[in-house]
Amino acid sequence: MFTGIIETLGKVVAIKKEKTNVHITIESSISKELKVDQSVAHNGVCLTVTSKNEKQHNVTAIDETIIKSNYTNLEIGSLLNLERCLKVGARLDGHMVQGHVDETAECIDVIEDKGSWRYFFKGSSKVESLVVNKGSICINGVSLTVVNTKGKFFEVAIIPYTYNHTTFKTLKKGEIVNIEFDIIGKYIIKNNIKKE
């Protein structure tokens, strides 16, 4: 379980394909503190640390992860938002995030707005039923509040701190992001479908 509050950025320094799996080496300021078998969210994707040293750690993404996320676009030098799992008893500053990416969305516009930034996205038809105004959404592992939504489109606003401490500062129009819908909304939708 995560909160969507990013601890630091990681840089992809190596990618090795093995059959349908992809082994990824990430360099970060928290790599030395991680433990083998620990769960860490990488751009919102929960991955297990398989090995580590003082500067880097390794994770493996399976085919299901690659298909559902923007990891198909991962390359050497890519930056990733990193968050370690929530400690029991800690404050939940963001919202409940599982690290299970539901799908991807396309960034269709970025507008600087008097010291903050507005990001506009287009997702699938699921957006219409699972994204609500002033509700929570997780984009590339970042817990955010939805400003506006209509059909497959939704918008979030980014404050300077979030902009400067996450990959949002490098996100451009046309790029693909990982989306995790609010878990509560997913359960409500599933329950309503069963009743019909």
Protein backbone atom coordinates (compact mmCIF):
# COMPACT_ATOMS: atom_id res chain seq x y z
CA MET A 1 0.00 0.00 0.00
CA PHE A 2 1.25 3.48 -0.92
CA THR A 3 0.05 7.07 -0.53
CA GLY A 4 1.11 8.69 -3.81
CA ILE A 5 3.52 11.03 -2.03
CA ILE A 6 6.80 10.77 -3.95
CA GLU A 7 10.03 10.39 -1.93
CA THR A 8 12.58 10.90 -4.67
CA LEU A 9 13.33 10.38 -8.35
CA GLY A 10 15.16 7.39 -9.77
CA LYS A 11 17.07 7.19 -13.04
CA VAL A 12 16.99 4.11 -15.25
CA VAL A 13 20.62 3.10 -15.90
CA ALA A 14 20.14 -0.38 -17.41
CA ILE A 15 17.39 -2.41 -19.09
CA LYS A 16 17.75 -6.12 -19.84
CA LYS A 17 15.06 -8.20 -21.55
CA GLU A 18 14.73 -11.88 -20.68
CA LYS A 19 11.92 -13.64 -22.55
CA THR A 20 8.80 -11.61 -21.60
CA ASN A 21 10.39 -10.09 -18.49
CA VAL A 22 12.27 -6.81 -18.29
CA HIS A 23 14.98 -6.34 -15.63
CA ILE A 24 15.49 -2.68 -14.75
CA THR A 25 18.35 -1.08 -12.84
CA ILE A 26 17.54 2.22 -11.12
CA GLU A 27 19.93 4.68 -9.53
CA SER A 28 18.46 6.72 -6.67
CA SER A 29 19.16 8.34 -3.32
CA ILE A 30 17.11 5.66 -1.50
CA SER A 31 18.56 2.58 -3.24
CA LYS A 32 21.08 2.01 -0.43
CA GLU A 33 18.25 1.99 2.15
CA LEU A 34 16.12 -0.58 0.34
CA LYS A 35 15.99 -4.27 1.16
CA VAL A 36 15.76 -7.22 -1.20
CA ASP A 37 12.12 -8.37 -1.48
CA GLN A 38 10.84 -4.88 -0.55
CA SER A 39 7.96 -3.35 -2.54
CA VAL A 40 8.61 0.05 -4.09
CA ALA A 41 6.35 2.06 -6.40
CA HIS A 42 8.13 3.08 -9.62
CA ASN A 43 5.98 5.60 -11.51
CA GLY A 44 3.04 4.08 -9.66
CA VAL A 45 3.95 0.48 -10.46
CA CYS A 46 4.60 -1.71 -7.41
CA LEU A 47 7.77 -3.71 -8.10
CA THR A 48 9.88 -5.96 -5.87
CA VAL A 49 13.54 -5.13 -5.25
CA THR A 50 15.54 -8.14 -6.48
CA SER A 51 19.05 -6.87 -5.66
CA LYS A 52 20.77 -3.64 -4.63
CA ASN A 53 24.00 -1.86 -3.83
CA GLU A 54 24.89 1.55 -2.38
CA LYS A 55 23.73 3.48 -5.44
CA GLN A 56 21.37 1.25 -7.41
CA HIS A 57 18.61 -1.29 -7.10
CA ASN A 58 17.11 -3.82 -9.51
CA VAL A 59 13.50 -4.76 -10.21
CA THR A 60 11.74 -7.00 -12.73
CA ALA A 61 8.62 -6.09 -14.68
CA ILE A 62 6.58 -8.99 -16.05
CA ASP A 63 4.59 -9.00 -19.28
CA GLU A 64 1.32 -8.00 -17.54
CA THR A 65 3.05 -4.93 -16.08
CA ILE A 66 4.54 -3.94 -19.45
CA ILE A 67 1.16 -4.25 -21.21
CA LYS A 68 -0.78 -2.20 -18.62
CA SER A 69 1.80 0.56 -18.05
CA ASN A 70 3.97 3.05 -19.90
CA TYR A 71 6.97 0.77 -19.41
CA THR A 72 6.95 0.01 -23.13
CA ASN A 73 8.46 3.51 -23.50
CA LEU A 74 11.08 3.05 -20.76
CA GLU A 75 14.66 3.76 -21.86
CA ILE A 76 18.08 4.45 -20.38
CA GLY A 77 17.92 7.85 -18.70
CA SER A 78 14.17 7.74 -18.00
CA LEU A 79 13.19 9.28 -14.66
CA LEU A 80 10.85 7.44 -12.31
CA ASN A 81 8.85 8.67 -9.31
CA LEU A 82 9.79 6.46 -6.34
CA GLU A 83 7.84 5.75 -3.15
CA ARG A 84 8.41 3.10 -0.51
CA CYS A 85 5.35 1.38 0.97
CA LEU A 86 3.30 2.98 3.74
CA LYS A 87 4.34 2.25 7.33
CA VAL A 88 1.56 1.18 9.69
CA GLY A 89 0.72 4.14 11.92
CA ALA A 90 2.11 6.74 9.50
CA ARG A 91 0.03 9.67 8.26
CA LEU A 92 -1.81 9.08 4.99
CA ASP A 93 -0.92 12.34 3.26
CA GLY A 94 -2.10 11.37 -0.21
CA HIS A 95 -4.74 8.68 -0.75
CA MET A 96 -4.76 4.88 -0.69
CA VAL A 97 -2.72 3.69 -3.67
CA GLN A 98 -2.07 0.01 -4.40
CA GLY A 99 0.66 0.34 -7.01
CA HIS A 100 -1.51 -1.62 -9.46
CA VAL A 101 -1.73 0.44 -12.63
CA ASP A 102 -5.14 0.20 -14.31
CA GLU A 103 -4.22 1.67 -17.68
CA THR A 104 -2.37 4.49 -19.38
CA ALA A 105 -3.50 7.93 -20.51
CA GLU A 106 -2.08 10.48 -22.94
CA CYS A 107 -1.06 13.96 -21.84
CA ILE A 108 -2.85 16.17 -24.36
CA ASP A 109 -1.84 19.59 -23.02
CA VAL A 110 0.22 21.37 -20.36
CA ILE A 111 -0.55 24.97 -19.37
CA GLU A 112 1.44 27.11 -16.94
CA ASP A 113 -1.08 29.04 -14.87
CA LYS A 114 0.25 31.84 -12.63
CA GLY A 115 2.85 29.77 -10.79
CA SER A 116 1.14 26.39 -11.03
CA TRP A 117 0.57 23.99 -13.91
CA ARG A 118 -2.54 22.40 -15.41
CA TYR A 119 -2.19 19.01 -17.10
CA PHE A 120 -4.86 17.61 -19.40
CA PHE A 121 -5.20 13.89 -20.15
CA LYS A 122 -7.19 11.56 -22.37
CA GLY A 123 -7.84 8.03 -21.15
CA SER A 124 -10.22 5.19 -22.03
CA SER A 125 -13.98 5.00 -21.56
CA LYS A 126 -13.32 3.92 -17.94
CA VAL A 127 -12.46 7.54 -17.10
CA GLU A 128 -16.11 8.58 -17.43
CA SER A 129 -17.27 6.21 -14.67
CA LEU A 130 -14.18 6.10 -12.42
CA VAL A 131 -12.93 9.71 -12.37
CA VAL A 132 -14.92 12.39 -10.55
CA ASN A 133 -14.39 16.11 -10.00
CA LYS A 134 -12.42 16.74 -6.78
CA GLY A 135 -11.78 13.00 -6.49
CA SER A 136 -8.40 11.30 -6.22
CA ILE A 137 -6.34 9.82 -9.03
CA CYS A 138 -2.79 8.47 -9.17
CA ILE A 139 -0.70 9.56 -12.17
CA ASN A 140 2.79 8.05 -12.51
CA GLY A 141 2.60 7.26 -8.80
CA VAL A 142 1.61 10.79 -7.73
CA SER A 143 -1.56 11.26 -5.67
CA LEU A 144 -3.54 14.11 -7.26
CA THR A 145 -6.96 15.73 -7.12
CA VAL A 146 -9.03 15.85 -10.29
CA VAL A 147 -9.91 19.45 -11.20
CA ASN A 148 -12.27 18.73 -14.10
CA THR A 149 -13.46 15.68 -16.01
CA LYS A 150 -15.66 15.12 -19.04
CA GLY A 151 -16.01 11.81 -20.86
CA LYS A 152 -12.54 10.36 -21.49
CA PHE A 153 -10.84 13.64 -20.55
CA PHE A 154 -9.66 14.89 -17.16
CA GLU A 155 -7.49 17.65 -15.75
CA VAL A 156 -5.25 18.00 -12.69
CA ALA A 157 -3.44 21.00 -11.23
CA ILE A 158 0.15 20.77 -10.03
CA ILE A 159 1.64 23.03 -7.34
CA PRO A 160 5.30 24.13 -7.62
CA TYR A 161 6.53 21.64 -4.97
CA THR A 162 5.01 18.65 -6.79
CA TYR A 163 6.23 20.00 -10.13
CA ASN A 164 9.81 20.35 -8.89
CA HIS A 165 10.02 17.05 -6.97
CA THR A 166 8.40 14.63 -9.45
CA THR A 167 8.64 13.74 -13.13
CA PHE A 168 5.88 16.25 -13.91
CA LYS A 169 8.61 18.80 -14.62
CA THR A 170 9.66 16.68 -17.64
CA LEU A 171 6.17 15.55 -18.75
CA LYS A 172 5.25 16.88 -22.18
CA LYS A 173 2.24 16.87 -24.45
CA GLY A 174 1.90 13.52 -26.24
CA GLU A 175 3.59 11.45 -23.54
CA ILE A 176 1.93 8.42 -21.95
CA VAL A 177 1.41 8.16 -18.17
CA ASN A 178 0.38 5.39 -15.77
CA ILE A 179 -3.06 5.73 -14.20
CA GLU A 180 -4.42 4.07 -11.08
CA PHE A 181 -8.07 4.87 -10.41
CA ASP A 182 -9.29 5.38 -6.84
CA ILE A 183 -9.79 1.96 -5.23
CA ILE A 184 -13.03 3.05 -3.56
CA GLY A 185 -14.51 4.08 -6.90
CA LYS A 186 -13.54 0.75 -8.45
CA TYR A 187 -15.32 -1.20 -5.69
CA ILE A 188 -18.43 0.97 -5.97
CA ILE A 189 -18.61 0.42 -9.74
CA LYS A 190 -18.12 -3.35 -9.35
CA ASN A 191 -20.81 -3.55 -6.67
CA ASN A 192 -23.30 -1.57 -8.79
CA ILE A 193 -22.68 -3.80 -11.82
CA LYS A 194 -23.42 -6.92 -9.72
CA LYS A 195 -26.74 -5.45 -8.54
CA GLU A 196 -27.98 -4.74 -12.07
